[in-house]
Amino acid sequence: MSSSDRIDASKAPKPVGAYPHARRAGNLLFLSGIGPRDPETDGIPGLERSAAGNFTTFDFEAQCHSVFRNVRLVLEASGATWENLVDVTVFLTDMQRDFHTYNRIYGEYFQGNQPCRTTVGIDSLPTPIAIELKCIAVLPD
């Protein structure tokens, strides 16, 4: 794999670590974990904190819509489309609270193309987000 297989999506939120947004291997595209951070402000949609650091506003739906927008930005920067997705793994920090909402919104975005999907409940993510997606796409020849 060469460095040209690395994809950095300038319109997507910057990664929070030393990794690219995606890597191409043959006709497969592997996206790194994508969260809902806003690409312009680096803020988390639907999440506000008080000066003491406590959540004052939490809107999980806003995070869902934002994470799907961010996945689309990385796909587009990679020469792929939503329809090229073949596998989606979602990480939720509160499965009991958020799965129903996530599942409903997921259905809105995946009406035509329905990739394989795995949903995992986890304790936390590296930033105070409630959702992250890890995706694989097949690129057109």
N, C-alpha and C. Protein backbone atom coordinates (compact mmCIF):
# COMPACT_ATOMS: atom_id res chain seq x y z
N MET A 1 0.85 -1.17 0.00
CA MET A 1 0.00 0.00 0.00
C MET A 1 0.89 1.23 0.00
N SER A 2 0.61 2.16 -0.84
CA SER A 2 1.41 3.37 -0.93
C SER A 2 0.72 4.52 -0.20
N SER A 3 1.48 5.60 -0.01
CA SER A 3 0.90 6.77 0.67
C SER A 3 -0.22 7.37 -0.16
N SER A 4 -0.26 7.08 -1.48
CA SER A 4 -1.33 7.61 -2.30
C SER A 4 -2.67 6.94 -1.99
N ASP A 5 -2.64 5.83 -1.26
CA ASP A 5 -3.87 5.14 -0.88
C ASP A 5 -4.52 5.81 0.33
N ARG A 6 -3.82 6.73 0.95
CA ARG A 6 -4.32 7.46 2.12
C ARG A 6 -5.24 8.59 1.64
N ILE A 7 -6.38 8.74 2.30
CA ILE A 7 -7.33 9.80 1.92
C ILE A 7 -7.56 10.70 3.12
N ASP A 8 -7.29 11.97 2.92
CA ASP A 8 -7.57 12.99 3.92
C ASP A 8 -8.64 13.90 3.34
N ALA A 9 -9.81 13.90 3.94
CA ALA A 9 -10.95 14.67 3.45
C ALA A 9 -10.93 16.07 4.06
N SER A 10 -10.56 17.05 3.27
CA SER A 10 -10.39 18.41 3.78
C SER A 10 -11.68 19.02 4.31
N LYS A 11 -12.85 18.56 3.83
CA LYS A 11 -14.12 19.12 4.28
C LYS A 11 -14.69 18.41 5.51
N ALA A 12 -14.09 17.29 5.91
CA ALA A 12 -14.58 16.53 7.07
C ALA A 12 -13.85 17.00 8.33
N PRO A 13 -14.39 16.68 9.51
CA PRO A 13 -13.69 17.04 10.75
C PRO A 13 -12.31 16.38 10.78
N LYS A 14 -11.33 17.08 11.33
CA LYS A 14 -9.98 16.53 11.43
C LYS A 14 -9.98 15.32 12.36
N PRO A 15 -9.21 14.28 12.03
CA PRO A 15 -9.09 13.14 12.94
C PRO A 15 -8.55 13.58 14.30
N VAL A 16 -8.93 12.87 15.34
CA VAL A 16 -8.46 13.21 16.69
C VAL A 16 -7.18 12.47 17.04
N GLY A 17 -6.58 11.80 16.08
CA GLY A 17 -5.34 11.07 16.30
C GLY A 17 -4.55 10.98 15.01
N ALA A 18 -3.51 10.15 15.05
CA ALA A 18 -2.62 9.98 13.90
C ALA A 18 -3.16 8.90 12.97
N TYR A 19 -4.15 9.26 12.18
CA TYR A 19 -4.74 8.32 11.22
C TYR A 19 -5.43 9.12 10.12
N PRO A 20 -5.58 8.51 8.94
CA PRO A 20 -6.27 9.19 7.84
C PRO A 20 -7.77 9.02 7.98
N HIS A 21 -8.52 9.78 7.21
CA HIS A 21 -9.97 9.60 7.17
C HIS A 21 -10.31 8.24 6.56
N ALA A 22 -9.53 7.83 5.56
CA ALA A 22 -9.80 6.56 4.89
C ALA A 22 -8.53 6.06 4.22
N ARG A 23 -8.55 4.76 3.87
CA ARG A 23 -7.50 4.15 3.06
C ARG A 23 -8.15 3.32 1.99
N ARG A 24 -7.56 3.40 0.80
CA ARG A 24 -8.04 2.58 -0.31
C ARG A 24 -7.10 1.39 -0.45
N ALA A 25 -7.68 0.20 -0.59
CA ALA A 25 -6.92 -1.03 -0.84
C ALA A 25 -7.60 -1.74 -2.00
N GLY A 26 -7.02 -1.63 -3.19
CA GLY A 26 -7.68 -2.15 -4.38
C GLY A 26 -8.96 -1.37 -4.60
N ASN A 27 -10.10 -2.08 -4.71
CA ASN A 27 -11.37 -1.37 -4.89
C ASN A 27 -12.14 -1.25 -3.58
N LEU A 28 -11.47 -1.55 -2.45
CA LEU A 28 -12.11 -1.40 -1.15
C LEU A 28 -11.69 -0.09 -0.50
N LEU A 29 -12.63 0.54 0.18
CA LEU A 29 -12.37 1.78 0.89
C LEU A 29 -12.73 1.56 2.36
N PHE A 30 -11.75 1.77 3.23
CA PHE A 30 -11.94 1.59 4.67
C PHE A 30 -11.92 2.95 5.34
N LEU A 31 -13.04 3.33 5.95
CA LEU A 31 -13.11 4.61 6.65
C LEU A 31 -12.72 4.41 8.10
N SER A 32 -11.91 5.33 8.61
CA SER A 32 -11.62 5.34 10.04
C SER A 32 -12.91 5.70 10.77
N GLY A 33 -12.93 5.53 12.07
CA GLY A 33 -14.10 5.90 12.84
C GLY A 33 -14.47 7.36 12.60
N ILE A 34 -15.73 7.59 12.26
CA ILE A 34 -16.22 8.94 11.96
C ILE A 34 -17.26 9.32 13.01
N GLY A 35 -17.04 10.46 13.63
CA GLY A 35 -17.98 10.95 14.64
C GLY A 35 -18.77 12.13 14.15
N PRO A 36 -19.55 12.74 15.02
CA PRO A 36 -20.44 13.83 14.61
C PRO A 36 -19.87 15.24 14.73
N ARG A 37 -18.57 15.39 15.03
CA ARG A 37 -18.04 16.74 15.20
C ARG A 37 -18.27 17.59 13.96
N ASP A 38 -18.56 18.86 14.17
CA ASP A 38 -18.79 19.81 13.08
C ASP A 38 -17.45 20.14 12.43
N PRO A 39 -17.34 19.99 11.10
CA PRO A 39 -16.06 20.25 10.42
C PRO A 39 -15.56 21.68 10.55
N GLU A 40 -16.46 22.63 10.69
CA GLU A 40 -16.05 24.04 10.74
C GLU A 40 -15.72 24.51 12.15
N THR A 41 -16.50 24.08 13.14
CA THR A 41 -16.30 24.58 14.50
C THR A 41 -15.59 23.59 15.42
N ASP A 42 -15.53 22.33 15.02
CA ASP A 42 -15.01 21.23 15.82
C ASP A 42 -15.90 20.94 17.03
N GLY A 43 -17.05 21.62 17.11
CA GLY A 43 -18.00 21.36 18.18
C GLY A 43 -18.83 20.12 17.88
N ILE A 44 -19.56 19.68 18.89
CA ILE A 44 -20.40 18.50 18.76
C ILE A 44 -21.85 18.96 18.67
N PRO A 45 -22.48 18.76 17.51
CA PRO A 45 -23.88 19.19 17.36
C PRO A 45 -24.77 18.57 18.44
N GLY A 46 -25.65 19.40 18.97
CA GLY A 46 -26.59 18.91 19.98
C GLY A 46 -26.01 18.74 21.37
N LEU A 47 -24.78 19.20 21.58
CA LEU A 47 -24.15 19.03 22.88
C LEU A 47 -23.60 20.36 23.37
N GLU A 48 -24.11 20.79 24.51
CA GLU A 48 -23.59 22.00 25.15
C GLU A 48 -23.27 21.67 26.59
N ARG A 49 -22.23 22.32 27.11
CA ARG A 49 -21.81 22.09 28.49
C ARG A 49 -21.78 23.40 29.26
N SER A 50 -22.00 23.29 30.55
CA SER A 50 -21.89 24.47 31.43
C SER A 50 -20.40 24.73 31.69
N ALA A 51 -20.11 25.85 32.34
CA ALA A 51 -18.73 26.19 32.68
C ALA A 51 -18.10 25.10 33.55
N ALA A 52 -18.93 24.40 34.32
CA ALA A 52 -18.43 23.33 35.19
C ALA A 52 -18.22 22.01 34.44
N GLY A 53 -18.61 22.00 33.15
CA GLY A 53 -18.41 20.80 32.34
C GLY A 53 -19.59 19.85 32.30
N ASN A 54 -20.69 20.22 32.92
CA ASN A 54 -21.89 19.37 32.90
C ASN A 54 -22.68 19.61 31.62
N PHE A 55 -23.33 18.56 31.12
CA PHE A 55 -24.16 18.70 29.93
C PHE A 55 -25.39 19.54 30.27
N THR A 56 -25.64 20.57 29.46
CA THR A 56 -26.85 21.37 29.63
C THR A 56 -27.82 21.07 28.49
N THR A 57 -27.29 20.64 27.34
CA THR A 57 -28.11 20.26 26.20
C THR A 57 -27.53 18.99 25.60
N PHE A 58 -28.40 18.02 25.32
CA PHE A 58 -27.97 16.79 24.65
C PHE A 58 -29.04 16.41 23.65
N ASP A 59 -28.66 16.41 22.36
CA ASP A 59 -29.58 16.09 21.28
C ASP A 59 -28.95 14.99 20.44
N PHE A 60 -29.32 13.74 20.74
CA PHE A 60 -28.74 12.60 20.04
C PHE A 60 -29.10 12.60 18.56
N GLU A 61 -30.30 13.03 18.22
CA GLU A 61 -30.69 13.08 16.81
C GLU A 61 -29.74 13.98 16.02
N ALA A 62 -29.36 15.11 16.58
CA ALA A 62 -28.43 16.03 15.91
C ALA A 62 -27.09 15.33 15.67
N GLN A 63 -26.65 14.53 16.63
CA GLN A 63 -25.40 13.80 16.46
C GLN A 63 -25.53 12.75 15.35
N CYS A 64 -26.66 12.07 15.27
CA CYS A 64 -26.87 11.07 14.22
C CYS A 64 -26.80 11.71 12.83
N HIS A 65 -27.54 12.79 12.64
CA HIS A 65 -27.54 13.44 11.33
C HIS A 65 -26.14 13.96 10.99
N SER A 66 -25.43 14.46 11.97
CA SER A 66 -24.09 14.99 11.73
C SER A 66 -23.10 13.88 11.37
N VAL A 67 -23.19 12.74 12.04
CA VAL A 67 -22.26 11.65 11.73
C VAL A 67 -22.50 11.14 10.31
N PHE A 68 -23.75 11.09 9.86
CA PHE A 68 -24.03 10.66 8.50
C PHE A 68 -23.50 11.68 7.49
N ARG A 69 -23.63 12.97 7.79
CA ARG A 69 -23.06 14.00 6.91
C ARG A 69 -21.55 13.83 6.80
N ASN A 70 -20.90 13.57 7.94
CA ASN A 70 -19.44 13.43 7.94
C ASN A 70 -18.99 12.19 7.17
N VAL A 71 -19.72 11.09 7.28
CA VAL A 71 -19.40 9.90 6.49
C VAL A 71 -19.51 10.23 5.02
N ARG A 72 -20.56 10.93 4.64
CA ARG A 72 -20.75 11.31 3.23
C ARG A 72 -19.58 12.18 2.74
N LEU A 73 -19.10 13.11 3.57
CA LEU A 73 -17.97 13.97 3.18
C LEU A 73 -16.71 13.14 2.91
N VAL A 74 -16.46 12.15 3.74
CA VAL A 74 -15.28 11.29 3.53
C VAL A 74 -15.46 10.42 2.29
N LEU A 75 -16.65 9.89 2.10
CA LEU A 75 -16.91 9.10 0.89
C LEU A 75 -16.68 9.94 -0.36
N GLU A 76 -17.23 11.14 -0.38
CA GLU A 76 -17.08 12.01 -1.56
C GLU A 76 -15.62 12.36 -1.82
N ALA A 77 -14.86 12.62 -0.77
CA ALA A 77 -13.43 12.93 -0.93
C ALA A 77 -12.66 11.72 -1.45
N SER A 78 -13.23 10.55 -1.29
CA SER A 78 -12.59 9.30 -1.70
C SER A 78 -13.05 8.83 -3.08
N GLY A 79 -13.95 9.57 -3.71
CA GLY A 79 -14.48 9.16 -5.00
C GLY A 79 -15.59 8.13 -4.88
N ALA A 80 -16.20 8.04 -3.72
CA ALA A 80 -17.27 7.07 -3.48
C ALA A 80 -18.58 7.79 -3.21
N THR A 81 -19.65 7.03 -3.18
CA THR A 81 -20.96 7.56 -2.85
C THR A 81 -21.57 6.71 -1.75
N TRP A 82 -22.68 7.20 -1.24
CA TRP A 82 -23.44 6.50 -0.21
C TRP A 82 -23.78 5.08 -0.65
N GLU A 83 -24.10 4.93 -1.93
CA GLU A 83 -24.51 3.64 -2.47
C GLU A 83 -23.36 2.63 -2.52
N ASN A 84 -22.11 3.09 -2.39
CA ASN A 84 -20.96 2.20 -2.40
C ASN A 84 -20.71 1.52 -1.05
N LEU A 85 -21.39 1.98 0.01
CA LEU A 85 -21.19 1.37 1.33
C LEU A 85 -21.68 -0.07 1.34
N VAL A 86 -20.86 -0.97 1.90
CA VAL A 86 -21.25 -2.38 2.01
C VAL A 86 -21.27 -2.87 3.45
N ASP A 87 -20.65 -2.11 4.36
CA ASP A 87 -20.62 -2.54 5.76
C ASP A 87 -20.52 -1.31 6.66
N VAL A 88 -21.37 -1.26 7.69
CA VAL A 88 -21.37 -0.15 8.65
C VAL A 88 -21.36 -0.74 10.05
N THR A 89 -20.39 -0.31 10.85
CA THR A 89 -20.36 -0.66 12.27
C THR A 89 -20.60 0.62 13.03
N VAL A 90 -21.58 0.59 13.93
CA VAL A 90 -21.90 1.77 14.72
C VAL A 90 -21.57 1.48 16.18
N PHE A 91 -20.97 2.47 16.83
CA PHE A 91 -20.65 2.39 18.25
C PHE A 91 -21.52 3.41 18.98
N LEU A 92 -22.31 2.94 19.93
CA LEU A 92 -23.18 3.81 20.73
C LEU A 92 -22.72 3.75 22.18
N THR A 93 -22.62 4.92 22.82
CA THR A 93 -22.20 4.94 24.22
C THR A 93 -23.34 4.65 25.18
N ASP A 94 -24.58 4.68 24.69
CA ASP A 94 -25.73 4.33 25.53
C ASP A 94 -26.76 3.60 24.67
N MET A 95 -26.56 2.30 24.53
CA MET A 95 -27.40 1.49 23.66
C MET A 95 -28.87 1.59 24.06
N GLN A 96 -29.14 1.48 25.34
CA GLN A 96 -30.53 1.47 25.80
C GLN A 96 -31.25 2.78 25.49
N ARG A 97 -30.58 3.90 25.71
CA ARG A 97 -31.18 5.21 25.48
C ARG A 97 -31.27 5.54 23.99
N ASP A 98 -30.25 5.20 23.20
CA ASP A 98 -30.10 5.76 21.86
C ASP A 98 -30.39 4.82 20.69
N PHE A 99 -30.47 3.51 20.91
CA PHE A 99 -30.60 2.61 19.76
C PHE A 99 -31.86 2.87 18.94
N HIS A 100 -33.00 3.05 19.59
CA HIS A 100 -34.25 3.24 18.86
C HIS A 100 -34.16 4.47 17.96
N THR A 101 -33.64 5.56 18.48
CA THR A 101 -33.49 6.79 17.70
C THR A 101 -32.52 6.57 16.55
N TYR A 102 -31.38 5.95 16.84
CA TYR A 102 -30.39 5.68 15.80
C TYR A 102 -30.99 4.80 14.70
N ASN A 103 -31.67 3.75 15.08
CA ASN A 103 -32.24 2.81 14.12
C ASN A 103 -33.24 3.51 13.19
N ARG A 104 -34.06 4.39 13.75
CA ARG A 104 -35.03 5.13 12.95
C ARG A 104 -34.33 6.05 11.94
N ILE A 105 -33.35 6.80 12.41
CA ILE A 105 -32.64 7.74 11.53
C ILE A 105 -31.81 6.98 10.50
N TYR A 106 -31.19 5.88 10.88
CA TYR A 106 -30.44 5.04 9.95
C TYR A 106 -31.34 4.63 8.78
N GLY A 107 -32.57 4.23 9.10
CA GLY A 107 -33.51 3.83 8.07
C GLY A 107 -33.82 4.94 7.08
N GLU A 108 -33.79 6.19 7.53
CA GLU A 108 -34.02 7.33 6.63
C GLU A 108 -32.89 7.46 5.61
N TYR A 109 -31.66 7.19 6.05
CA TYR A 109 -30.49 7.35 5.19
C TYR A 109 -30.25 6.14 4.30
N PHE A 110 -30.71 4.98 4.72
CA PHE A 110 -30.43 3.75 3.98
C PHE A 110 -31.71 3.13 3.45
N GLN A 111 -32.47 3.89 2.70
CA GLN A 111 -33.71 3.37 2.11
C GLN A 111 -33.43 2.53 0.87
N GLY A 112 -32.46 2.93 0.06
CA GLY A 112 -32.13 2.18 -1.15
C GLY A 112 -31.05 1.16 -0.86
N ASN A 113 -29.84 1.64 -0.70
CA ASN A 113 -28.71 0.78 -0.38
C ASN A 113 -28.81 0.34 1.08
N GLN A 114 -28.72 -0.95 1.33
CA GLN A 114 -28.74 -1.45 2.70
C GLN A 114 -27.49 -2.29 2.94
N PRO A 115 -26.42 -1.64 3.43
CA PRO A 115 -25.20 -2.39 3.72
C PRO A 115 -25.39 -3.30 4.94
N CYS A 116 -24.46 -4.23 5.11
CA CYS A 116 -24.45 -5.01 6.35
C CYS A 116 -24.24 -4.03 7.50
N ARG A 117 -24.74 -4.39 8.68
CA ARG A 117 -24.62 -3.46 9.81
C ARG A 117 -24.42 -4.23 11.11
N THR A 118 -23.56 -3.68 11.94
CA THR A 118 -23.35 -4.18 13.30
C THR A 118 -23.44 -2.99 14.23
N THR A 119 -24.17 -3.13 15.33
CA THR A 119 -24.30 -2.06 16.31
C THR A 119 -23.73 -2.56 17.63
N VAL A 120 -22.81 -1.79 18.20
CA VAL A 120 -22.10 -2.20 19.41
C VAL A 120 -22.28 -1.13 20.48
N GLY A 121 -22.61 -1.56 21.69
CA GLY A 121 -22.67 -0.65 22.83
C GLY A 121 -21.31 -0.61 23.51
N ILE A 122 -20.80 0.59 23.75
CA ILE A 122 -19.48 0.75 24.37
C ILE A 122 -19.58 1.73 25.53
N ASP A 123 -18.55 1.76 26.36
CA ASP A 123 -18.54 2.64 27.53
C ASP A 123 -18.31 4.10 27.19
N SER A 124 -17.38 4.35 26.26
CA SER A 124 -17.07 5.74 25.92
C SER A 124 -16.31 5.79 24.60
N LEU A 125 -16.18 7.01 24.10
CA LEU A 125 -15.39 7.29 22.90
C LEU A 125 -14.36 8.35 23.28
N PRO A 126 -13.34 8.59 22.45
CA PRO A 126 -12.25 9.50 22.83
C PRO A 126 -12.65 10.95 23.06
N THR A 127 -13.78 11.37 22.50
CA THR A 127 -14.30 12.71 22.74
C THR A 127 -15.72 12.54 23.28
N PRO A 128 -16.36 13.57 23.80
CA PRO A 128 -17.69 13.40 24.42
C PRO A 128 -18.83 13.25 23.41
N ILE A 129 -18.66 12.33 22.47
CA ILE A 129 -19.69 12.04 21.48
C ILE A 129 -20.42 10.78 21.90
N ALA A 130 -21.61 10.58 21.37
CA ALA A 130 -22.42 9.42 21.74
C ALA A 130 -22.49 8.38 20.62
N ILE A 131 -21.90 8.68 19.45
CA ILE A 131 -22.00 7.78 18.30
C ILE A 131 -20.75 7.93 17.43
N GLU A 132 -20.32 6.80 16.86
CA GLU A 132 -19.23 6.80 15.88
C GLU A 132 -19.52 5.68 14.88
N LEU A 133 -19.21 5.92 13.61
CA LEU A 133 -19.40 4.90 12.57
C LEU A 133 -18.06 4.50 11.96
N LYS A 134 -17.94 3.22 11.67
CA LYS A 134 -16.80 2.65 10.97
C LYS A 134 -17.37 1.98 9.74
N CYS A 135 -16.91 2.38 8.55
CA CYS A 135 -17.56 1.93 7.31
C CYS A 135 -16.57 1.34 6.32
N ILE A 136 -17.10 0.46 5.47
CA ILE A 136 -16.35 -0.10 4.35
C ILE A 136 -17.21 0.09 3.10
N ALA A 137 -16.55 0.52 2.03
CA ALA A 137 -17.23 0.72 0.75
C ALA A 137 -16.48 -0.01 -0.35
N VAL A 138 -17.19 -0.36 -1.40
CA VAL A 138 -16.58 -0.90 -2.61
C VAL A 138 -16.62 0.19 -3.65
N LEU A 139 -15.46 0.56 -4.15
CA LEU A 139 -15.36 1.64 -5.12
C LEU A 139 -15.62 1.14 -6.53
N PRO A 140 -16.21 1.98 -7.36
CA PRO A 140 -16.42 1.58 -8.75
C PRO A 140 -15.08 1.42 -9.46
N ASP A 141 -15.03 0.55 -10.44
CA ASP A 141 -13.79 0.34 -11.20
C ASP A 141 -13.42 1.54 -12.04
